[in-house]
C-alpha atoms as a PDB file:
ATOM      1  CA  MET A   1       0.000   0.000   0.000  1.00  0.00           C
ATOM      2  CA  ARG A   2       1.304   3.430  -0.859  1.00  0.00           C
ATOM      3  CA  PRO A   3       2.327   5.597   2.114  1.00  0.00           C
ATOM      4  CA  ALA A   4      -0.347   8.226   1.348  1.00  0.00           C
ATOM      5  CA  LEU A   5      -3.104   5.583   1.203  1.00  0.00           C
ATOM      6  CA  LEU A   6      -1.746   3.942   4.368  1.00  0.00           C
ATOM      7  CA  SER A   7      -1.854   7.277   6.194  1.00  0.00           C
ATOM      8  CA  ALA A   8      -5.408   7.886   5.009  1.00  0.00           C
ATOM      9  CA  ALA A   9      -6.476   4.426   6.134  1.00  0.00           C
ATOM     10  CA  VAL A  10      -4.888   4.883   9.557  1.00  0.00           C
ATOM     11  CA  GLY A  11      -6.525   8.311   9.894  1.00  0.00           C
ATOM     12  CA  ALA A  12      -9.916   6.898   8.982  1.00  0.00           C
ATOM     13  CA  ALA A  13      -9.470   4.085  11.490  1.00  0.00           C
ATOM     14  CA  ILE A  14      -8.515   6.514  14.216  1.00  0.00           C
ATOM     15  CA  ALA A  15     -11.501   8.754  13.365  1.00  0.00           C
ATOM     16  CA  GLY A  16     -13.827   5.776  13.398  1.00  0.00           C
ATOM     17  CA  CYS A  17     -12.597   4.719  16.838  1.00  0.00           C
ATOM     18  CA  SER A  18     -12.623   8.178  18.413  1.00  0.00           C
ATOM     19  CA  PRO A  19     -14.351   8.238  21.796  1.00  0.00           C
ATOM     20  CA  PRO A  20     -17.851   9.719  22.016  1.00  0.00           C
ATOM     21  CA  PRO A  21     -18.178  13.286  23.314  1.00  0.00           C
ATOM     22  CA  THR A  22     -18.217  13.670  27.078  1.00  0.00           C
ATOM     23  CA  GLY A  23     -19.382  16.347  29.484  1.00  0.00           C
ATOM     24  CA  PHE A  24     -21.887  18.902  28.261  1.00  0.00           C
ATOM     25  CA  ALA A  25     -20.886  18.150  24.646  1.00  0.00           C
ATOM     26  CA  ALA A  26     -22.618  14.770  24.952  1.00  0.00           C
ATOM     27  CA  LEU A  27     -25.946  16.592  25.247  1.00  0.00           C
ATOM     28  CA  GLY A  28     -25.628  18.330  21.901  1.00  0.00           C
ATOM     29  CA  ASP A  29     -27.563  21.594  21.528  1.00  0.00           C
ATOM     30  CA  PHE A  30     -29.162  21.727  24.950  1.00  0.00           C
ATOM     31  CA  GLU A  31     -31.293  24.288  26.749  1.00  0.00           C
ATOM     32  CA  LEU A  32     -31.039  25.138  30.436  1.00  0.00           C
ATOM     33  CA  ARG A  33     -34.623  25.121  31.712  1.00  0.00           C
ATOM     34  CA  PHE A  34     -35.393  26.485  35.179  1.00  0.00           C
ATOM     35  CA  SER A  35     -38.372  25.615  37.362  1.00  0.00           C
ATOM     36  CA  ASN A  36     -39.605  26.171  40.896  1.00  0.00           C
ATOM     37  CA  ILE A  37     -39.434  23.302  43.401  1.00  0.00           C
ATOM     38  CA  ASN A  38     -40.753  25.063  46.512  1.00  0.00           C
ATOM     39  CA  SER A  39     -40.327  28.385  48.269  1.00  0.00           C
ATOM     40  CA  GLY A  40     -36.693  27.653  49.125  1.00  0.00           C
ATOM     41  CA  PHE A  41     -35.296  25.849  46.080  1.00  0.00           C
ATOM     42  CA  ALA A  42     -35.257  25.974  42.286  1.00  0.00           C
ATOM     43  CA  GLU A  43     -34.002  23.516  39.665  1.00  0.00           C
ATOM     44  CA  ALA A  44     -32.093  23.868  36.401  1.00  0.00           C
ATOM     45  CA  THR A  45     -32.534  20.975  33.941  1.00  0.00           C
ATOM     46  CA  PHE A  46     -30.335  20.254  30.910  1.00  0.00           C
ATOM     47  CA  ASP A  47     -33.023  19.793  28.246  1.00  0.00           C
ATOM     48  CA  TYR A  48     -31.584  18.098  25.132  1.00  0.00           C
ATOM     49  CA  ASP A  49     -32.974  16.211  22.113  1.00  0.00           C
ATOM     50  CA  SER A  50     -33.152  12.716  23.570  1.00  0.00           C
ATOM     51  CA  GLN A  51     -34.740  11.296  20.402  1.00  0.00           C
ATOM     52  CA  LYS A  52     -31.723  12.367  18.391  1.00  0.00           C
ATOM     53  CA  ARG A  53     -28.977  11.818  20.977  1.00  0.00           C
ATOM     54  CA  GLY A  54     -30.408   8.955  22.998  1.00  0.00           C
ATOM     55  CA  CYS A  55     -30.298   9.048  26.793  1.00  0.00           C
ATOM     56  CA  GLN A  56     -27.207  10.912  27.980  1.00  0.00           C
ATOM     57  CA  THR A  57     -25.688  11.262  31.429  1.00  0.00           C
ATOM     58  CA  LEU A  58     -22.928  13.434  32.820  1.00  0.00           C
ATOM     59  CA  GLY A  59     -19.938  11.964  34.640  1.00  0.00           C
ATOM     60  CA  ASP A  60     -18.974  12.169  38.290  1.00  0.00           C
ATOM     61  CA  ASP A  61     -16.969  15.301  37.482  1.00  0.00           C
ATOM     62  CA  PHE A  62     -20.273  17.174  37.069  1.00  0.00           C
ATOM     63  CA  THR A  63     -20.384  19.847  39.803  1.00  0.00           C
ATOM     64  CA  ALA A  64     -22.295  23.053  40.430  1.00  0.00           C
ATOM     65  CA  ALA A  65     -22.260  26.012  42.801  1.00  0.00           C
ATOM     66  CA  ALA A  66     -24.849  28.739  43.425  1.00  0.00           C
ATOM     67  CA  ASN A  67     -23.395  32.007  44.701  1.00  0.00           C
ATOM     68  CA  GLY A  68     -20.263  30.067  45.597  1.00  0.00           C
ATOM     69  CA  ASN A  69     -22.085  27.415  47.648  1.00  0.00           C
ATOM     70  CA  PRO A  70     -22.160  23.770  46.456  1.00  0.00           C
ATOM     71  CA  ALA A  71     -25.420  22.823  44.746  1.00  0.00           C
ATOM     72  CA  SER A  72     -26.957  19.356  44.458  1.00  0.00           C
ATOM     73  CA  VAL A  73     -26.484  17.736  41.031  1.00  0.00           C
ATOM     74  CA  SER A  74     -28.095  14.798  39.280  1.00  0.00           C
ATOM     75  CA  GLU A  75     -26.037  13.279  36.470  1.00  0.00           C
ATOM     76  CA  GLY A  76     -29.106  11.985  34.660  1.00  0.00           C
ATOM     77  CA  ALA A  77     -30.270   8.399  34.267  1.00  0.00           C
ATOM     78  CA  VAL A  78     -32.106   5.887  32.116  1.00  0.00           C
ATOM     79  CA  GLU A  79     -35.251   4.672  33.818  1.00  0.00           C
ATOM     80  CA  LYS A  80     -37.806   2.894  31.698  1.00  0.00           C
ATOM     81  CA  GLY A  81     -41.321   3.918  32.573  1.00  0.00           C
ATOM     82  CA  ALA A  82     -40.200   7.189  34.160  1.00  0.00           C
ATOM     83  CA  MET A  83     -43.076   9.546  34.836  1.00  0.00           C
ATOM     84  CA  PHE A  84     -43.518  12.133  32.066  1.00  0.00           C
ATOM     85  CA  ARG A  85     -40.575  10.609  30.167  1.00  0.00           C
ATOM     86  CA  PRO A  86     -41.789   7.734  27.973  1.00  0.00           C
ATOM     87  CA  ASP A  87     -38.306   7.464  26.430  1.00  0.00           C
ATOM     88  CA  GLY A  88     -36.919   6.693  29.905  1.00  0.00           C
ATOM     89  CA  CYS A  89     -34.412   9.552  29.872  1.00  0.00           C
ATOM     90  CA  ILE A  90     -34.028  11.502  33.079  1.00  0.00           C
ATOM     91  CA  PHE A  91     -32.163  14.685  32.197  1.00  0.00           C
ATOM     92  CA  PRO A  92     -29.204  15.974  34.221  1.00  0.00           C
ATOM     93  CA  SER A  93     -30.189  18.734  36.650  1.00  0.00           C
ATOM     94  CA  VAL A  94     -29.019  21.068  39.405  1.00  0.00           C
ATOM     95  CA  THR A  95     -31.000  21.941  42.544  1.00  0.00           C
ATOM     96  CA  PHE A  96     -30.000  25.145  44.312  1.00  0.00           C
ATOM     97  CA  SER A  97     -31.154  27.427  47.106  1.00  0.00           C
ATOM     98  CA  ARG A  98     -33.002  30.648  46.419  1.00  0.00           C
ATOM     99  CA  PRO A  99     -31.966  33.812  48.263  1.00  0.00           C
ATOM    100  CA  LEU A 100     -34.392  35.375  50.740  1.00  0.00           C
ATOM    101  CA  PRO A 101     -34.837  38.948  49.382  1.00  0.00           C
ATOM    102  CA  VAL A 102     -37.113  38.908  46.350  1.00  0.00           C
ATOM    103  CA  ASP A 103     -34.653  41.059  44.402  1.00  0.00           C
ATOM    104  CA  GLY A 104     -31.762  38.737  45.272  1.00  0.00           C
ATOM    105  CA  SER A 105     -29.659  37.271  42.475  1.00  0.00           C
ATOM    106  CA  VAL A 106     -28.141  33.845  41.809  1.00  0.00           C
ATOM    107  CA  SER A 107     -24.885  33.062  40.024  1.00  0.00           C
ATOM    108  CA  LEU A 108     -25.041  29.425  38.984  1.00  0.00           C
ATOM    109  CA  VAL A 109     -21.748  27.898  37.783  1.00  0.00           C
ATOM    110  CA  MET A 110     -21.735  24.316  36.459  1.00  0.00           C
ATOM    111  CA  ASN A 111     -18.715  22.273  35.393  1.00  0.00           C
ATOM    112  CA  ALA A 112     -18.304  18.970  33.587  1.00  0.00           C
ATOM    113  CA  GLY A 113     -14.706  18.138  32.716  1.00  0.00           C
ATOM    114  CA  PRO A 114     -13.085  21.143  31.055  1.00  0.00           C
ATOM    115  CA  GLU A 115     -16.440  22.712  30.108  1.00  0.00           C
ATOM    116  CA  GLN A 116     -18.368  25.306  32.069  1.00  0.00           C
ATOM    117  CA  VAL A 117     -21.928  26.643  31.912  1.00  0.00           C
ATOM    118  CA  VAL A 118     -22.843  29.868  33.725  1.00  0.00           C
ATOM    119  CA  ALA A 119     -26.235  31.443  34.358  1.00  0.00           C
ATOM    120  CA  GLU A 120     -26.750  34.760  36.150  1.00  0.00           C
ATOM    121  CA  ILE A 121     -30.317  35.399  37.308  1.00  0.00           C
ATOM    122  CA  GLU A 122     -31.883  38.419  39.015  1.00  0.00           C
ATOM    123  CA  GLY A 123     -35.124  38.386  40.990  1.00  0.00           C
ATOM    124  CA  MET A 124     -34.753  34.878  42.453  1.00  0.00           C
ATOM    125  CA  GLY A 125     -35.672  35.589  46.081  1.00  0.00           C
ATOM    126  CA  ASN A 126     -38.642  34.049  47.867  1.00  0.00           C
ATOM    127  CA  THR A 127     -39.515  36.711  50.441  1.00  0.00           C
ATOM    128  CA  LEU A 128     -41.374  39.998  50.028  1.00  0.00           C
ATOM    129  CA  THR A 129     -41.438  42.454  52.914  1.00  0.00           C
ATOM    130  CA  GLY A 130     -43.925  45.016  54.156  1.00  0.00           C
ATOM    131  CA  VAL A 131     -45.195  46.844  57.255  1.00  0.00           C
ATOM    132  CA  PRO A 132     -48.672  48.099  58.163  1.00  0.00           C
ATOM    133  CA  MET A 133     -49.084  51.850  57.720  1.00  0.00           C
ATOM    134  CA  VAL A 134     -50.533  52.982  61.051  1.00  0.00           C
ATOM    135  CA  THR A 135     -49.908  56.161  63.009  1.00  0.00           C
ATOM    136  CA  PRO A 136     -48.990  56.066  66.713  1.00  0.00           C
ATOM    137  CA  GLY A 137     -52.106  55.244  68.712  1.00  0.00           C
ATOM    138  CA  GLU A 138     -54.118  54.217  65.659  1.00  0.00           C
ATOM    139  CA  VAL A 139     -56.084  50.968  65.974  1.00  0.00           C
ATOM    140  CA  ILE A 140     -57.064  48.498  63.272  1.00  0.00           C
ATOM    141  CA  HIS A 141     -60.631  47.223  63.084  1.00  0.00           C
ATOM    142  CA  ALA A 142     -62.272  44.426  61.134  1.00  0.00           C
ATOM    143  CA  GLY A 143     -63.751  45.546  57.833  1.00  0.00           C
ATOM    144  CA  GLN A 144     -61.346  48.423  57.207  1.00  0.00           C
ATOM    145  CA  ARG A 145     -58.732  48.926  54.514  1.00  0.00           C
ATOM    146  CA  LEU A 146     -55.264  48.048  55.767  1.00  0.00           C
ATOM    147  CA  GLN A 147     -52.454  49.815  53.935  1.00  0.00           C
ATOM    148  CA  ILE A 148     -49.100  48.030  53.723  1.00  0.00           C
ATOM    149  CA  ALA A 149     -45.854  49.744  52.747  1.00  0.00           C
ATOM    150  CA  LEU A 150     -43.918  47.243  50.654  1.00  0.00           C
ATOM    151  CA  GLY A 151     -40.156  46.743  50.744  1.00  0.00           C
ATOM    152  CA  ALA A 152     -37.587  46.575  47.966  1.00  0.00           C
ATOM    153  CA  GLY A 153     -38.368  44.413  44.950  1.00  0.00           C
ATOM    154  CA  TYR A 154     -42.171  44.652  45.127  1.00  0.00           C
ATOM    155  CA  GLU A 155     -42.244  45.788  41.496  1.00  0.00           C
ATOM    156  CA  LEU A 156     -40.880  42.392  40.418  1.00  0.00           C
ATOM    157  CA  ALA A 157     -44.089  40.688  41.532  1.00  0.00           C
ATOM    158  CA  THR A 158     -47.406  40.096  39.808  1.00  0.00           C
ATOM    159  CA  TRP A 159     -49.886  40.501  42.642  1.00  0.00           C
ATOM    160  CA  PRO A 160     -52.958  38.314  43.154  1.00  0.00           C
ATOM    161  CA  THR A 161     -56.439  39.653  43.912  1.00  0.00           C
ATOM    162  CA  PHE A 162     -56.806  37.762  47.188  1.00  0.00           C
ATOM    163  CA  ALA A 163     -54.733  37.193  50.320  1.00  0.00           C
ATOM    164  CA  GLY A 164     -55.072  34.750  53.185  1.00  0.00           C
ATOM    165  CA  ILE A 165     -55.543  35.895  56.777  1.00  0.00           C
ATOM    166  CA  ASP A 166     -55.113  33.667  59.809  1.00  0.00           C
ATOM    167  CA  THR A 167     -55.239  34.189  63.554  1.00  0.00           C
ATOM    168  CA  ASP A 168     -52.522  33.246  66.025  1.00  0.00           C
ATOM    169  CA  GLY A 169     -53.168  29.818  67.487  1.00  0.00           C
ATOM    170  CA  THR A 170     -55.859  28.729  65.023  1.00  0.00           C
ATOM    171  CA  ASN A 171     -56.003  27.122  61.605  1.00  0.00           C
ATOM    172  CA  LEU A 172     -59.163  29.008  60.669  1.00  0.00           C
ATOM    173  CA  GLY A 173     -58.443  31.337  57.784  1.00  0.00           C
ATOM    174  CA  HIS A 174     -60.126  34.120  55.856  1.00  0.00           C
ATOM    175  CA  LEU A 175     -59.785  35.445  52.352  1.00  0.00           C
ATOM    176  CA  ALA A 176     -59.283  39.159  51.866  1.00  0.00           C
ATOM    177  CA  ARG A 177     -59.341  41.170  48.669  1.00  0.00           C
ATOM    178  CA  VAL A 178     -56.062  42.797  47.640  1.00  0.00           C
ATOM    179  CA  VAL A 179     -55.707  46.091  45.809  1.00  0.00           C
ATOM    180  CA  PRO A 180     -52.468  45.879  43.744  1.00  0.00           C
ATOM    181  CA  PRO A 181     -49.754  48.272  44.957  1.00  0.00           C
ATOM    182  CA  VAL A 182     -49.393  51.818  43.718  1.00  0.00           C
ATOM    183  CA  ASP A 183     -46.066  53.521  44.452  1.00  0.00           C
ATOM    184  CA  GLY A 184     -45.184  50.727  46.865  1.00  0.00           C
ATOM    185  CA  ILE A 185     -48.436  50.909  48.879  1.00  0.00           C
ATOM    186  CA  MET A 186     -50.785  47.907  48.815  1.00  0.00           C
ATOM    187  CA  GLU A 187     -54.252  47.750  50.348  1.00  0.00           C
ATOM    188  CA  VAL A 188     -55.933  44.726  51.915  1.00  0.00           C
ATOM    189  CA  LEU A 189     -59.687  44.842  52.546  1.00  0.00           C
ATOM    190  CA  LEU A 190     -60.051  43.164  55.934  1.00  0.00           C
ATOM    191  CA  PRO A 191     -63.077  40.888  56.393  1.00  0.00           C
ATOM    192  CA  SER A 192     -65.855  42.321  58.573  1.00  0.00           C
ATOM    193  CA  ASP A 193     -65.960  39.150  60.715  1.00  0.00           C
ATOM    194  CA  LEU A 194     -62.250  39.158  61.531  1.00  0.00           C
ATOM    195  CA  ALA A 195     -61.731  38.320  65.205  1.00  0.00           C
ATOM    196  CA  PRO A 196     -59.816  40.661  67.534  1.00  0.00           C
ATOM    197  CA  GLY A 197     -56.223  39.733  68.269  1.00  0.00           C
ATOM    198  CA  ARG A 198     -53.013  39.162  66.382  1.00  0.00           C
ATOM    199  CA  GLN A 199     -53.567  38.425  62.685  1.00  0.00           C
ATOM    200  CA  HIS A 200     -51.298  37.558  59.773  1.00  0.00           C
ATOM    201  CA  VAL A 201     -51.969  38.474  56.163  1.00  0.00           C
ATOM    202  CA  THR A 202     -50.179  36.285  53.602  1.00  0.00           C
ATOM    203  CA  VAL A 203     -49.895  37.186  49.936  1.00  0.00           C
ATOM    204  CA  VAL A 204     -48.283  34.796  47.441  1.00  0.00           C
ATOM    205  CA  ALA A 205     -47.149  36.645  44.313  1.00  0.00           C
ATOM    206  CA  THR A 206     -45.671  35.407  41.042  1.00  0.00           C
ATOM    207  CA  ILE A 207     -42.115  36.490  40.205  1.00  0.00           C
ATOM    208  CA  ALA A 208     -40.555  36.784  36.756  1.00  0.00           C
ATOM    209  CA  PRO A 209     -36.770  36.294  37.063  1.00  0.00           C
ATOM    210  CA  ASN A 210     -34.411  37.968  34.627  1.00  0.00           C
ATOM    211  CA  PHE A 211     -31.460  36.159  33.021  1.00  0.00           C
ATOM    212  CA  THR A 212     -28.660  38.701  32.850  1.00  0.00           C
ATOM    213  CA  SER A 213     -26.148  36.132  31.536  1.00  0.00           C
ATOM    214  CA  CYS A 214     -26.399  32.659  30.011  1.00  0.00           C
ATOM    215  CA  GLU A 215     -23.113  31.168  28.801  1.00  0.00           C
ATOM    216  CA  GLY A 216     -22.868  27.662  27.387  1.00  0.00           C
ATOM    217  CA  PRO A 217     -26.365  26.407  26.441  1.00  0.00           C
ATOM    218  CA  ALA A 218     -26.788  26.535  22.649  1.00  0.00           C
ATOM    219  CA  ARG A 219     -30.532  27.131  23.033  1.00  0.00           C
ATOM    220  CA  GLY A 220     -30.212  29.515  25.952  1.00  0.00           C
ATOM    221  CA  CYS A 221     -31.712  29.730  29.446  1.00  0.00           C
ATOM    222  CA  HIS A 222     -35.459  29.799  29.976  1.00  0.00           C
ATOM    223  CA  TRP A 223     -37.967  29.625  32.796  1.00  0.00           C
ATOM    224  CA  ASN A 224     -40.476  26.793  32.758  1.00  0.00           C
ATOM    225  CA  PRO A 225     -43.917  28.467  32.791  1.00  0.00           C
ATOM    226  CA  ILE A 226     -45.456  25.371  34.390  1.00  0.00           C
ATOM    227  CA  GLY A 227     -43.274  25.647  37.494  1.00  0.00           C
ATOM    228  CA  GLY A 228     -43.849  29.339  38.171  1.00  0.00           C
ATOM    229  CA  LEU A 229     -41.626  31.173  40.634  1.00  0.00           C
ATOM    230  CA  THR A 230     -43.414  32.609  43.674  1.00  0.00           C
ATOM    231  CA  ALA A 231     -42.526  34.804  46.626  1.00  0.00           C
ATOM    232  CA  SER A 232     -44.496  35.342  49.834  1.00  0.00           C
ATOM    233  CA  LEU A 233     -45.360  38.423  51.844  1.00  0.00           C
ATOM    234  CA  VAL A 234     -46.358  37.858  55.506  1.00  0.00           C
ATOM    235  CA  VAL A 235     -47.389  40.879  57.586  1.00  0.00           C
ATOM    236  CA  SER A 236     -48.599  40.764  61.202  1.00  0.00           C
ATOM    237  CA  PHE A 237     -51.014  43.251  62.759  1.00  0.00           C
ATOM    238  CA  GLU A 238     -53.340  43.617  65.746  1.00  0.00           C
ATOM    239  CA  VAL A 239     -57.115  43.865  65.344  1.00  0.00           C
ATOM    240  CA  GLN A 240     -59.016  45.728  68.072  1.00  0.00           C
ATOM    241  CA  PRO A 241     -62.655  45.072  69.000  1.00  0.00           C
END
C-alpha cells in the first residue's frame, strides 16, 4: 500500500474509533430550563434532544455552585417507565437554594470536565417584605382597609387579587381582597368578621426572574412556565374590638 493511502487508512481508522463526546458536549444543543421546586429551592434541567442523541448522562466530574455554595447535582439516568418521560431519559439537573430577598440574584456555575456553563439570574428571592401603615395610637378594626408599605423588589411581583388571613393559634383562615400596589403601597380589605387579636396576612405573588447572563447552552436559558416562581409576603397586625 502506498504511504499516502496507508496514512489515510490509519486516519480513517482513528476517526472511526474516536471516543464519544463527554461532558456537556454529549448533550448536543441543549437548553437550560429552570423551574420552581418550593419556596426555598429551584431547579435547572439540561433539556436536550433525547430522540436524536439517545439518553445521555454526565460523569462524576459534574459539579455546580450557586453564589459560591455547592449545589446538588443529578447526572441523569435511564429509567424505563419514568413519569412524564416515555423514552426513559431523566435529564441531568441542578438543585439550588433561592436567596431570601425577592430582588436577590443567583450566580449558577456548572462544570463537567473542562467545560463550564454559567447562568446569572436576578429576581430569584422568595420573600417579600412590608409593614402596616398605622400612626402612633391608631387601631385596626375588622372591615377596614389596611395599607401596607412594601419593601424593595415589590415591582418584580405580579400581585394576586386575594390574600389569606389567619389568627394566632388557630387554623381558621379568611380570604381578603387585595388592591395591587401603587407607588409601593398595597391595600388589603379586611373581612368584617375578623376576630380581635393578632392576625397575619399572607400574599403569594408570582415572580418573573431575569437572566442577565447565560453562557454555554446553545438554546439559551429559559424559565419553565409550568413551574412558576413565587414569593411570599407575611405581615402581622393587631385587630381591636
